[in-house]
Amino acid sequence: MFDAVGRRRGLRKQREAGSVLASLLVNGALLGAILYAGTNVADQILDEDEPVEVTYFDEAPPPPPPPPPPPASSTPKTKKEKPKEPEPEPEMVEPEIVEELPEELPEDPG
């Protein structure tokens, strides 16, 4: 917990600078290796421009011919449309006026 008590603060800055430098070197080397390998592979692929013959042993049969068109009729068929009946408009119903109930209810004899 108290590992850094009494140590110099300059040592911490040196370690941070060293880790940043090491990180940059490793990442730069990795990036350079990827670029170098990529250019070599691309050159090899471009140099091999030989045609490749592909043979299919189990060729699929040709697709079936399309179905024949329907026979032409001598008279064109027309669809008879029924005239649409207009929908009846809803009737306006006026609310009935209800008489007010008496305030006192008659008592039940019994």
PDB file of N, CA and C in Angstrom:
ATOM      1  N   MET A   1       0.813  -1.181   0.000  1.00  0.00           N
ATOM      2  CA  MET A   1       0.000   0.000   0.000  1.00  0.00           C
ATOM      3  C   MET A   1       0.866   1.258   0.000  1.00  0.00           C
ATOM      4  N   PHE A   2       1.893   1.245   0.804  1.00  0.00           N
ATOM      5  CA  PHE A   2       2.763   2.409   0.899  1.00  0.00           C
ATOM      6  C   PHE A   2       4.103   2.147   0.199  1.00  0.00           C
ATOM      7  N   ASP A   3       4.063   1.571  -1.011  1.00  0.00           N
ATOM      8  CA  ASP A   3       5.300   1.240  -1.721  1.00  0.00           C
ATOM      9  C   ASP A   3       6.062   2.478  -2.181  1.00  0.00           C
ATOM     10  N   ALA A   4       5.337   3.519  -2.546  1.00  0.00           N
ATOM     11  CA  ALA A   4       5.977   4.698  -3.118  1.00  0.00           C
ATOM     12  C   ALA A   4       6.366   5.726  -2.066  1.00  0.00           C
ATOM     13  N   VAL A   5       6.198   5.437  -0.800  1.00  0.00           N
ATOM     14  CA  VAL A   5       6.523   6.400   0.255  1.00  0.00           C
ATOM     15  C   VAL A   5       8.041   6.543   0.341  1.00  0.00           C
ATOM     16  N   GLY A   6       8.507   7.748   0.245  1.00  0.00           N
ATOM     17  CA  GLY A   6       9.929   8.020   0.369  1.00  0.00           C
ATOM     18  C   GLY A   6      10.695   7.883  -0.930  1.00  0.00           C
ATOM     19  N   ARG A   7      10.082   7.484  -2.020  1.00  0.00           N
ATOM     20  CA  ARG A   7      10.793   7.368  -3.301  1.00  0.00           C
ATOM     21  C   ARG A   7      10.792   8.707  -4.017  1.00  0.00           C
ATOM     22  N   ARG A   8      11.706   8.817  -4.941  1.00  0.00           N
ATOM     23  CA  ARG A   8      11.796  10.046  -5.718  1.00  0.00           C
ATOM     24  C   ARG A   8      10.661  10.098  -6.747  1.00  0.00           C
ATOM     25  N   ARG A   9      10.218  11.299  -7.001  1.00  0.00           N
ATOM     26  CA  ARG A   9       9.167  11.457  -8.006  1.00  0.00           C
ATOM     27  C   ARG A   9       9.732  11.367  -9.421  1.00  0.00           C
ATOM     28  N   GLY A  10      10.975  11.633  -9.596  1.00  0.00           N
ATOM     29  CA  GLY A  10      11.605  11.570 -10.916  1.00  0.00           C
ATOM     30  C   GLY A  10      11.652  10.155 -11.449  1.00  0.00           C
ATOM     31  N   LEU A  11      11.747   9.178 -10.559  1.00  0.00           N
ATOM     32  CA  LEU A  11      11.784   7.784 -10.988  1.00  0.00           C
ATOM     33  C   LEU A  11      10.483   7.387 -11.668  1.00  0.00           C
ATOM     34  N   ARG A  12       9.374   7.915 -11.173  1.00  0.00           N
ATOM     35  CA  ARG A  12       8.071   7.603 -11.762  1.00  0.00           C
ATOM     36  C   ARG A  12       7.975   8.179 -13.174  1.00  0.00           C
ATOM     37  N   LYS A  13       8.454   9.376 -13.378  1.00  0.00           N
ATOM     38  CA  LYS A  13       8.411  10.000 -14.703  1.00  0.00           C
ATOM     39  C   LYS A  13       9.294   9.234 -15.684  1.00  0.00           C
ATOM     40  N   GLN A  14      10.439   8.736 -15.211  1.00  0.00           N
ATOM     41  CA  GLN A  14      11.322   7.965 -16.087  1.00  0.00           C
ATOM     42  C   GLN A  14      10.647   6.660 -16.514  1.00  0.00           C
ATOM     43  N   ARG A  15       9.960   6.018 -15.585  1.00  0.00           N
ATOM     44  CA  ARG A  15       9.268   4.769 -15.937  1.00  0.00           C
ATOM     45  C   ARG A  15       8.152   5.024 -16.939  1.00  0.00           C
ATOM     46  N   GLU A  16       7.388   6.106 -16.754  1.00  0.00           N
ATOM     47  CA  GLU A  16       6.317   6.426 -17.702  1.00  0.00           C
ATOM     48  C   GLU A  16       6.882   6.715 -19.081  1.00  0.00           C
ATOM     49  N   ALA A  17       7.977   7.468 -19.140  1.00  0.00           N
ATOM     50  CA  ALA A  17       8.601   7.780 -20.432  1.00  0.00           C
ATOM     51  C   ALA A  17       9.131   6.506 -21.083  1.00  0.00           C
ATOM     52  N   GLY A  18       9.719   5.628 -20.300  1.00  0.00           N
ATOM     53  CA  GLY A  18      10.225   4.373 -20.853  1.00  0.00           C
ATOM     54  C   GLY A  18       9.108   3.483 -21.381  1.00  0.00           C
ATOM     55  N   SER A  19       7.972   3.433 -20.665  1.00  0.00           N
ATOM     56  CA  SER A  19       6.871   2.593 -21.145  1.00  0.00           C
ATOM     57  C   SER A  19       6.241   3.170 -22.406  1.00  0.00           C
ATOM     58  N   VAL A  20       6.163   4.500 -22.498  1.00  0.00           N
ATOM     59  CA  VAL A  20       5.638   5.116 -23.722  1.00  0.00           C
ATOM     60  C   VAL A  20       6.561   4.825 -24.893  1.00  0.00           C
ATOM     61  N   LEU A  21       7.867   4.937 -24.678  1.00  0.00           N
ATOM     62  CA  LEU A  21       8.829   4.672 -25.737  1.00  0.00           C
ATOM     63  C   LEU A  21       8.767   3.210 -26.184  1.00  0.00           C
ATOM     64  N   ALA A  22       8.698   2.301 -25.215  1.00  0.00           N
ATOM     65  CA  ALA A  22       8.618   0.876 -25.559  1.00  0.00           C
ATOM     66  C   ALA A  22       7.329   0.568 -26.324  1.00  0.00           C
ATOM     67  N   SER A  23       6.230   1.172 -25.929  1.00  0.00           N
ATOM     68  CA  SER A  23       4.954   0.961 -26.620  1.00  0.00           C
ATOM     69  C   SER A  23       5.027   1.450 -28.064  1.00  0.00           C
ATOM     70  N   LEU A  24       5.624   2.648 -28.261  1.00  0.00           N
ATOM     71  CA  LEU A  24       5.748   3.175 -29.621  1.00  0.00           C
ATOM     72  C   LEU A  24       6.645   2.280 -30.484  1.00  0.00           C
ATOM     73  N   LEU A  25       7.739   1.788 -29.923  1.00  0.00           N
ATOM     74  CA  LEU A  25       8.630   0.920 -30.699  1.00  0.00           C
ATOM     75  C   LEU A  25       7.958  -0.386 -31.089  1.00  0.00           C
ATOM     76  N   VAL A  26       7.263  -1.007 -30.143  1.00  0.00           N
ATOM     77  CA  VAL A  26       6.599  -2.287 -30.440  1.00  0.00           C
ATOM     78  C   VAL A  26       5.495  -2.089 -31.470  1.00  0.00           C
ATOM     79  N   ASN A  27       4.660  -1.065 -31.289  1.00  0.00           N
ATOM     80  CA  ASN A  27       3.570  -0.829 -32.245  1.00  0.00           C
ATOM     81  C   ASN A  27       4.107  -0.437 -33.614  1.00  0.00           C
ATOM     82  N   GLY A  28       5.169   0.354 -33.669  1.00  0.00           N
ATOM     83  CA  GLY A  28       5.765   0.724 -34.951  1.00  0.00           C
ATOM     84  C   GLY A  28       6.353  -0.477 -35.664  1.00  0.00           C
ATOM     85  N   ALA A  29       7.028  -1.356 -34.904  1.00  0.00           N
ATOM     86  CA  ALA A  29       7.599  -2.555 -35.515  1.00  0.00           C
ATOM     87  C   ALA A  29       6.502  -3.467 -36.045  1.00  0.00           C
ATOM     88  N   LEU A  30       5.419  -3.611 -35.290  1.00  0.00           N
ATOM     89  CA  LEU A  30       4.304  -4.457 -35.743  1.00  0.00           C
ATOM     90  C   LEU A  30       3.665  -3.886 -37.005  1.00  0.00           C
ATOM     91  N   LEU A  31       3.450  -2.598 -37.046  1.00  0.00           N
ATOM     92  CA  LEU A  31       2.872  -1.969 -38.219  1.00  0.00           C
ATOM     93  C   LEU A  31       3.795  -2.119 -39.435  1.00  0.00           C
ATOM     94  N   GLY A  32       5.095  -1.933 -39.236  1.00  0.00           N
ATOM     95  CA  GLY A  32       6.051  -2.106 -40.334  1.00  0.00           C
ATOM     96  C   GLY A  32       6.066  -3.536 -40.844  1.00  0.00           C
ATOM     97  N   ALA A  33       5.991  -4.520 -39.938  1.00  0.00           N
ATOM     98  CA  ALA A  33       5.977  -5.921 -40.358  1.00  0.00           C
ATOM     99  C   ALA A  33       4.722  -6.241 -41.157  1.00  0.00           C
ATOM    100  N   ILE A  34       3.597  -5.686 -40.743  1.00  0.00           N
ATOM    101  CA  ILE A  34       2.341  -5.923 -41.475  1.00  0.00           C
ATOM    102  C   ILE A  34       2.416  -5.315 -42.871  1.00  0.00           C
ATOM    103  N   LEU A  35       2.936  -4.100 -42.982  1.00  0.00           N
ATOM    104  CA  LEU A  35       3.056  -3.469 -44.300  1.00  0.00           C
ATOM    105  C   LEU A  35       4.020  -4.231 -45.202  1.00  0.00           C
ATOM    106  N   TYR A  36       5.134  -4.669 -44.644  1.00  0.00           N
ATOM    107  CA  TYR A  36       6.113  -5.404 -45.439  1.00  0.00           C
ATOM    108  C   TYR A  36       5.531  -6.735 -45.927  1.00  0.00           C
ATOM    109  N   ALA A  37       4.891  -7.462 -45.031  1.00  0.00           N
ATOM    110  CA  ALA A  37       4.308  -8.746 -45.425  1.00  0.00           C
ATOM    111  C   ALA A  37       3.186  -8.542 -46.435  1.00  0.00           C
ATOM    112  N   GLY A  38       2.393  -7.488 -46.261  1.00  0.00           N
ATOM    113  CA  GLY A  38       1.287  -7.230 -47.189  1.00  0.00           C
ATOM    114  C   GLY A  38       1.766  -6.926 -48.589  1.00  0.00           C
ATOM    115  N   THR A  39       2.833  -6.149 -48.715  1.00  0.00           N
ATOM    116  CA  THR A  39       3.346  -5.826 -50.053  1.00  0.00           C
ATOM    117  C   THR A  39       3.951  -7.059 -50.716  1.00  0.00           C
ATOM    118  N   ASN A  40       4.618  -7.916 -49.933  1.00  0.00           N
ATOM    119  CA  ASN A  40       5.180  -9.140 -50.515  1.00  0.00           C
ATOM    120  C   ASN A  40       4.085 -10.071 -51.010  1.00  0.00           C
ATOM    121  N   VAL A  41       3.025 -10.232 -50.239  1.00  0.00           N
ATOM    122  CA  VAL A  41       1.921 -11.108 -50.655  1.00  0.00           C
ATOM    123  C   VAL A  41       1.243 -10.536 -51.890  1.00  0.00           C
ATOM    124  N   ALA A  42       1.063  -9.210 -51.923  1.00  0.00           N
ATOM    125  CA  ALA A  42       0.423  -8.589 -53.088  1.00  0.00           C
ATOM    126  C   ALA A  42       1.286  -8.775 -54.332  1.00  0.00           C
ATOM    127  N   ASP A  43       2.617  -8.659 -54.198  1.00  0.00           N
ATOM    128  CA  ASP A  43       3.496  -8.863 -55.349  1.00  0.00           C
ATOM    129  C   ASP A  43       3.424 -10.302 -55.843  1.00  0.00           C
ATOM    130  N   GLN A  44       3.376 -11.271 -54.939  1.00  0.00           N
ATOM    131  CA  GLN A  44       3.292 -12.675 -55.342  1.00  0.00           C
ATOM    132  C   GLN A  44       1.979 -12.959 -56.051  1.00  0.00           C
ATOM    133  N   ILE A  45       0.903 -12.373 -55.575  1.00  0.00           N
ATOM    134  CA  ILE A  45      -0.397 -12.612 -56.217  1.00  0.00           C
ATOM    135  C   ILE A  45      -0.419 -11.995 -57.605  1.00  0.00           C
ATOM    136  N   LEU A  46       0.153 -10.793 -57.757  1.00  0.00           N
ATOM    137  CA  LEU A  46       0.159 -10.141 -59.061  1.00  0.00           C
ATOM    138  C   LEU A  46       1.077 -10.868 -60.047  1.00  0.00           C
ATOM    139  N   ASP A  47       2.144 -11.514 -59.571  1.00  0.00           N
ATOM    140  CA  ASP A  47       3.047 -12.233 -60.453  1.00  0.00           C
ATOM    141  C   ASP A  47       2.420 -13.520 -60.973  1.00  0.00           C
ATOM    142  N   GLU A  48       1.510 -14.107 -60.238  1.00  0.00           N
ATOM    143  CA  GLU A  48       0.896 -15.371 -60.637  1.00  0.00           C
ATOM    144  C   GLU A  48      -0.389 -15.116 -61.410  1.00  0.00           C
ATOM    145  N   ASP A  49      -0.267 -14.605 -62.612  1.00  0.00           N
ATOM    146  CA  ASP A  49      -1.437 -14.340 -63.435  1.00  0.00           C
ATOM    147  C   ASP A  49      -1.735 -15.501 -64.377  1.00  0.00           C
ATOM    148  N   GLU A  50      -1.567 -16.706 -63.925  1.00  0.00           N
ATOM    149  CA  GLU A  50      -1.856 -17.869 -64.747  1.00  0.00           C
ATOM    150  C   GLU A  50      -3.338 -18.196 -64.632  1.00  0.00           C
ATOM    151  N   PRO A  51      -3.977 -18.503 -65.748  1.00  0.00           N
ATOM    152  CA  PRO A  51      -5.399 -18.859 -65.678  1.00  0.00           C
ATOM    153  C   PRO A  51      -5.577 -20.219 -64.983  1.00  0.00           C
ATOM    154  N   VAL A  52      -6.631 -20.344 -64.297  1.00  0.00           N
ATOM    155  CA  VAL A  52      -6.940 -21.574 -63.587  1.00  0.00           C
ATOM    156  C   VAL A  52      -8.180 -22.173 -64.216  1.00  0.00           C
ATOM    157  N   GLU A  53      -8.090 -23.472 -64.558  1.00  0.00           N
ATOM    158  CA  GLU A  53      -9.229 -24.142 -65.159  1.00  0.00           C
ATOM    159  C   GLU A  53     -10.065 -24.776 -64.054  1.00  0.00           C
ATOM    160  N   VAL A  54     -11.342 -24.508 -64.115  1.00  0.00           N
ATOM    161  CA  VAL A  54     -12.269 -25.056 -63.128  1.00  0.00           C
ATOM    162  C   VAL A  54     -13.205 -26.001 -63.859  1.00  0.00           C
ATOM    163  N   THR A  55     -13.253 -27.236 -63.382  1.00  0.00           N
ATOM    164  CA  THR A  55     -14.153 -28.213 -64.002  1.00  0.00           C
ATOM    165  C   THR A  55     -15.186 -28.642 -62.977  1.00  0.00           C
ATOM    166  N   TYR A  56     -16.398 -28.770 -63.429  1.00  0.00           N
ATOM    167  CA  TYR A  56     -17.488 -29.225 -62.581  1.00  0.00           C
ATOM    168  C   TYR A  56     -17.848 -30.646 -63.016  1.00  0.00           C
ATOM    169  N   PHE A  57     -17.711 -31.575 -62.105  1.00  0.00           N
ATOM    170  CA  PHE A  57     -17.983 -32.958 -62.446  1.00  0.00           C
ATOM    171  C   PHE A  57     -19.480 -33.256 -62.411  1.00  0.00           C
ATOM    172  N   ASP A  58     -20.177 -32.721 -61.465  1.00  0.00           N
ATOM    173  CA  ASP A  58     -21.611 -32.972 -61.363  1.00  0.00           C
ATOM    174  C   ASP A  58     -22.350 -31.704 -61.763  1.00  0.00           C
ATOM    175  N   GLU A  59     -22.451 -31.536 -63.088  1.00  0.00           N
ATOM    176  CA  GLU A  59     -23.129 -30.336 -63.545  1.00  0.00           C
ATOM    177  C   GLU A  59     -24.623 -30.491 -63.348  1.00  0.00           C
ATOM    178  N   ALA A  60     -25.264 -29.408 -63.007  1.00  0.00           N
ATOM    179  CA  ALA A  60     -26.707 -29.417 -62.814  1.00  0.00           C
ATOM    180  C   ALA A  60     -27.388 -29.371 -64.176  1.00  0.00           C
ATOM    181  N   PRO A  61     -28.531 -30.020 -64.312  1.00  0.00           N
ATOM    182  CA  PRO A  61     -29.243 -29.963 -65.596  1.00  0.00           C
ATOM    183  C   PRO A  61     -29.739 -28.543 -65.845  1.00  0.00           C
ATOM    184  N   PRO A  62     -29.976 -28.219 -67.095  1.00  0.00           N
ATOM    185  CA  PRO A  62     -30.456 -26.865 -67.385  1.00  0.00           C
ATOM    186  C   PRO A  62     -31.834 -26.650 -66.754  1.00  0.00           C
ATOM    187  N   PRO A  63     -32.166 -25.421 -66.487  1.00  0.00           N
ATOM    188  CA  PRO A  63     -33.470 -25.160 -65.869  1.00  0.00           C
ATOM    189  C   PRO A  63     -34.604 -25.521 -66.824  1.00  0.00           C
ATOM    190  N   PRO A  64     -35.757 -25.867 -66.310  1.00  0.00           N
ATOM    191  CA  PRO A  64     -36.876 -26.237 -67.181  1.00  0.00           C
ATOM    192  C   PRO A  64     -37.356 -25.019 -67.972  1.00  0.00           C
ATOM    193  N   PRO A  65     -37.952 -25.260 -69.132  1.00  0.00           N
ATOM    194  CA  PRO A  65     -38.427 -24.127 -69.930  1.00  0.00           C
ATOM    195  C   PRO A  65     -39.603 -23.452 -69.215  1.00  0.00           C
ATOM    196  N   PRO A  66     -39.818 -22.202 -69.515  1.00  0.00           N
ATOM    197  CA  PRO A  66     -40.935 -21.507 -68.872  1.00  0.00           C
ATOM    198  C   PRO A  66     -42.265 -22.097 -69.329  1.00  0.00           C
ATOM    199  N   PRO A  67     -43.301 -21.979 -68.536  1.00  0.00           N
ATOM    200  CA  PRO A  67     -44.595 -22.537 -68.931  1.00  0.00           C
ATOM    201  C   PRO A  67     -45.143 -21.793 -70.143  1.00  0.00           C
ATOM    202  N   PRO A  68     -45.924 -22.484 -70.954  1.00  0.00           N
ATOM    203  CA  PRO A  68     -46.461 -21.827 -72.151  1.00  0.00           C
ATOM    204  C   PRO A  68     -47.466 -20.752 -71.747  1.00  0.00           C
ATOM    205  N   PRO A  69     -47.588 -19.740 -72.574  1.00  0.00           N
ATOM    206  CA  PRO A  69     -48.549 -18.689 -72.248  1.00  0.00           C
ATOM    207  C   PRO A  69     -49.977 -19.230 -72.352  1.00  0.00           C
ATOM    208  N   PRO A  70     -50.924 -18.644 -71.664  1.00  0.00           N
ATOM    209  CA  PRO A  70     -52.304 -19.120 -71.753  1.00  0.00           C
ATOM    210  C   PRO A  70     -52.849 -18.881 -73.157  1.00  0.00           C
ATOM    211  N   PRO A  71     -53.784 -19.722 -73.584  1.00  0.00           N
ATOM    212  CA  PRO A  71     -54.323 -19.545 -74.950  1.00  0.00           C
ATOM    213  C   PRO A  71     -55.078 -18.228 -75.062  1.00  0.00           C
ATOM    214  N   ALA A  72     -54.949 -17.650 -76.231  1.00  0.00           N
ATOM    215  CA  ALA A  72     -55.612 -16.375 -76.474  1.00  0.00           C
ATOM    216  C   ALA A  72     -57.081 -16.637 -76.754  1.00  0.00           C
ATOM    217  N   SER A  73     -57.954 -15.886 -76.132  1.00  0.00           N
ATOM    218  CA  SER A  73     -59.388 -16.055 -76.374  1.00  0.00           C
ATOM    219  C   SER A  73     -59.824 -15.045 -77.427  1.00  0.00           C
ATOM    220  N   SER A  74     -60.932 -15.385 -78.102  1.00  0.00           N
ATOM    221  CA  SER A  74     -61.381 -14.523 -79.187  1.00  0.00           C
ATOM    222  C   SER A  74     -62.034 -13.248 -78.643  1.00  0.00           C
ATOM    223  N   THR A  75     -62.700 -13.345 -77.491  1.00  0.00           N
ATOM    224  CA  THR A  75     -63.322 -12.154 -76.921  1.00  0.00           C
ATOM    225  C   THR A  75     -62.627 -11.827 -75.607  1.00  0.00           C
ATOM    226  N   PRO A  76     -62.318 -10.604 -75.437  1.00  0.00           N
ATOM    227  CA  PRO A  76     -61.684 -10.247 -74.168  1.00  0.00           C
ATOM    228  C   PRO A  76     -62.714 -10.317 -73.033  1.00  0.00           C
ATOM    229  N   LYS A  77     -62.295 -10.846 -71.933  1.00  0.00           N
ATOM    230  CA  LYS A  77     -63.186 -10.954 -70.792  1.00  0.00           C
ATOM    231  C   LYS A  77     -63.148  -9.636 -70.028  1.00  0.00           C
ATOM    232  N   THR A  78     -64.323  -9.130 -69.804  1.00  0.00           N
ATOM    233  CA  THR A  78     -64.415  -7.910 -69.016  1.00  0.00           C
ATOM    234  C   THR A  78     -65.162  -8.235 -67.737  1.00  0.00           C
ATOM    235  N   LYS A  79     -64.780  -7.616 -66.752  1.00  0.00           N
ATOM    236  CA  LYS A  79     -65.390  -7.853 -65.454  1.00  0.00           C
ATOM    237  C   LYS A  79     -66.552  -6.891 -65.291  1.00  0.00           C
ATOM    238  N   LYS A  80     -67.712  -7.452 -64.973  1.00  0.00           N
ATOM    239  CA  LYS A  80     -68.872  -6.601 -64.761  1.00  0.00           C
ATOM    240  C   LYS A  80     -68.838  -6.117 -63.322  1.00  0.00           C
ATOM    241  N   GLU A  81     -68.950  -4.837 -63.189  1.00  0.00           N
ATOM    242  CA  GLU A  81     -68.932  -4.266 -61.853  1.00  0.00           C
ATOM    243  C   GLU A  81     -70.348  -3.920 -61.433  1.00  0.00           C
ATOM    244  N   LYS A  82     -70.678  -4.309 -60.226  1.00  0.00           N
ATOM    245  CA  LYS A  82     -71.993  -3.970 -59.691  1.00  0.00           C
ATOM    246  C   LYS A  82     -71.921  -2.545 -59.162  1.00  0.00           C
ATOM    247  N   PRO A  83     -72.996  -1.813 -59.396  1.00  0.00           N
ATOM    248  CA  PRO A  83     -72.969  -0.452 -58.842  1.00  0.00           C
ATOM    249  C   PRO A  83     -72.990  -0.532 -57.319  1.00  0.00           C
ATOM    250  N   LYS A  84     -72.197   0.291 -56.732  1.00  0.00           N
ATOM    251  CA  LYS A  84     -72.121   0.292 -55.285  1.00  0.00           C
ATOM    252  C   LYS A  84     -73.306   1.061 -54.721  1.00  0.00           C
ATOM    253  N   GLU A  85     -73.917   0.452 -53.722  1.00  0.00           N
ATOM    254  CA  GLU A  85     -75.030   1.129 -53.071  1.00  0.00           C
ATOM    255  C   GLU A  85     -74.457   2.096 -52.046  1.00  0.00           C
ATOM    256  N   PRO A  86     -74.964   3.301 -52.042  1.00  0.00           N
ATOM    257  CA  PRO A  86     -74.446   4.248 -51.053  1.00  0.00           C
ATOM    258  C   PRO A  86     -74.863   3.802 -49.646  1.00  0.00           C
ATOM    259  N   GLU A  87     -73.978   3.970 -48.730  1.00  0.00           N
ATOM    260  CA  GLU A  87     -74.276   3.589 -47.358  1.00  0.00           C
ATOM    261  C   GLU A  87     -75.238   4.606 -46.761  1.00  0.00           C
ATOM    262  N   PRO A  88     -76.233   4.121 -46.043  1.00  0.00           N
ATOM    263  CA  PRO A  88     -77.168   5.088 -45.449  1.00  0.00           C
ATOM    264  C   PRO A  88     -76.472   5.883 -44.353  1.00  0.00           C
ATOM    265  N   GLU A  89     -76.812   7.140 -44.310  1.00  0.00           N
ATOM    266  CA  GLU A  89     -76.205   7.985 -43.302  1.00  0.00           C
ATOM    267  C   GLU A  89     -76.849   7.676 -41.957  1.00  0.00           C
ATOM    268  N   PRO A  90     -76.081   7.660 -40.899  1.00  0.00           N
ATOM    269  CA  PRO A  90     -76.685   7.374 -39.590  1.00  0.00           C
ATOM    270  C   PRO A  90     -77.621   8.511 -39.174  1.00  0.00           C
ATOM    271  N   GLU A  91     -78.749   8.097 -38.635  1.00  0.00           N
ATOM    272  CA  GLU A  91     -79.742   9.091 -38.233  1.00  0.00           C
ATOM    273  C   GLU A  91     -79.306   9.731 -36.924  1.00  0.00           C
ATOM    274  N   MET A  92     -79.547  11.000 -36.824  1.00  0.00           N
ATOM    275  CA  MET A  92     -79.228  11.716 -35.610  1.00  0.00           C
ATOM    276  C   MET A  92     -80.363  11.496 -34.619  1.00  0.00           C
ATOM    277  N   VAL A  93     -80.045  10.937 -33.477  1.00  0.00           N
ATOM    278  CA  VAL A  93     -81.046  10.691 -32.447  1.00  0.00           C
ATOM    279  C   VAL A  93     -80.835  11.718 -31.350  1.00  0.00           C
ATOM    280  N   GLU A  94     -81.900  12.444 -31.064  1.00  0.00           N
ATOM    281  CA  GLU A  94     -81.807  13.441 -30.024  1.00  0.00           C
ATOM    282  C   GLU A  94     -82.034  12.757 -28.684  1.00  0.00           C
ATOM    283  N   PRO A  95     -81.286  13.129 -27.667  1.00  0.00           N
ATOM    284  CA  PRO A  95     -81.477  12.495 -26.368  1.00  0.00           C
ATOM    285  C   PRO A  95     -82.837  12.857 -25.776  1.00  0.00           C
ATOM    286  N   GLU A  96     -83.441  11.868 -25.100  1.00  0.00           N
ATOM    287  CA  GLU A  96     -84.736  12.109 -24.482  1.00  0.00           C
ATOM    288  C   GLU A  96     -84.530  12.882 -23.184  1.00  0.00           C
ATOM    289  N   ILE A  97     -85.466  13.739 -22.912  1.00  0.00           N
ATOM    290  CA  ILE A  97     -85.392  14.514 -21.686  1.00  0.00           C
ATOM    291  C   ILE A  97     -86.039  13.681 -20.587  1.00  0.00           C
ATOM    292  N   VAL A  98     -85.313  13.429 -19.532  1.00  0.00           N
ATOM    293  CA  VAL A  98     -85.801  12.613 -18.435  1.00  0.00           C
ATOM    294  C   VAL A  98     -86.256  13.552 -17.321  1.00  0.00           C
ATOM    295  N   GLU A  99     -87.438  13.271 -16.821  1.00  0.00           N
ATOM    296  CA  GLU A  99     -87.939  14.102 -15.734  1.00  0.00           C
ATOM    297  C   GLU A  99     -87.130  13.823 -14.487  1.00  0.00           C
ATOM    298  N   GLU A 100     -86.975  14.828 -13.678  1.00  0.00           N
ATOM    299  CA  GLU A 100     -86.201  14.655 -12.463  1.00  0.00           C
ATOM    300  C   GLU A 100     -86.983  13.818 -11.461  1.00  0.00           C
ATOM    301  N   LEU A 101     -86.261  12.999 -10.713  1.00  0.00           N
ATOM    302  CA  LEU A 101     -86.890  12.169  -9.701  1.00  0.00           C
ATOM    303  C   LEU A 101     -87.233  13.025  -8.480  1.00  0.00           C
ATOM    304  N   PRO A 102     -88.322  12.652  -7.755  1.00  0.00           N
ATOM    305  CA  PRO A 102     -88.619  13.412  -6.539  1.00  0.00           C
ATOM    306  C   PRO A 102     -87.519  13.179  -5.512  1.00  0.00           C
ATOM    307  N   GLU A 103     -87.317  14.186  -4.688  1.00  0.00           N
ATOM    308  CA  GLU A 103     -86.238  14.102  -3.706  1.00  0.00           C
ATOM    309  C   GLU A 103     -86.516  13.038  -2.655  1.00  0.00           C
ATOM    310  N   GLU A 104     -87.763  12.870  -2.221  1.00  0.00           N
ATOM    311  CA  GLU A 104     -88.081  11.890  -1.196  1.00  0.00           C
ATOM    312  C   GLU A 104     -88.678  10.644  -1.838  1.00  0.00           C
ATOM    313  N   LEU A 105     -88.209   9.509  -1.414  1.00  0.00           N
ATOM    314  CA  LEU A 105     -88.750   8.253  -1.925  1.00  0.00           C
ATOM    315  C   LEU A 105     -89.871   7.788  -0.990  1.00  0.00           C
ATOM    316  N   PRO A 106     -90.962   7.251  -1.536  1.00  0.00           N
ATOM    317  CA  PRO A 106     -92.025   6.757  -0.667  1.00  0.00           C
ATOM    318  C   PRO A 106     -91.548   5.559   0.134  1.00  0.00           C
ATOM    319  N   GLU A 107     -91.996   5.458   1.358  1.00  0.00           N
ATOM    320  CA  GLU A 107     -91.589   4.351   2.204  1.00  0.00           C
ATOM    321  C   GLU A 107     -92.411   3.114   1.894  1.00  0.00           C
ATOM    322  N   ASP A 108     -91.814   1.973   2.077  1.00  0.00           N
ATOM    323  CA  ASP A 108     -92.525   0.710   1.848  1.00  0.00           C
ATOM    324  C   ASP A 108     -93.377   0.379   3.081  1.00  0.00           C
ATOM    325  N   PRO A 109     -94.671   0.159   2.911  1.00  0.00           N
ATOM    326  CA  PRO A 109     -95.473  -0.266   4.079  1.00  0.00           C
ATOM    327  C   PRO A 109     -95.205  -1.742   4.343  1.00  0.00           C
ATOM    328  N   GLY A 110     -94.667  -2.023   5.384  1.00  0.00           N
ATOM    329  CA  GLY A 110     -94.505  -3.424   5.603  1.00  0.00           C
ATOM    330  C   GLY A 110     -93.786  -3.785   6.761  1.00  0.00           C
TER     331      GLY A 110
END
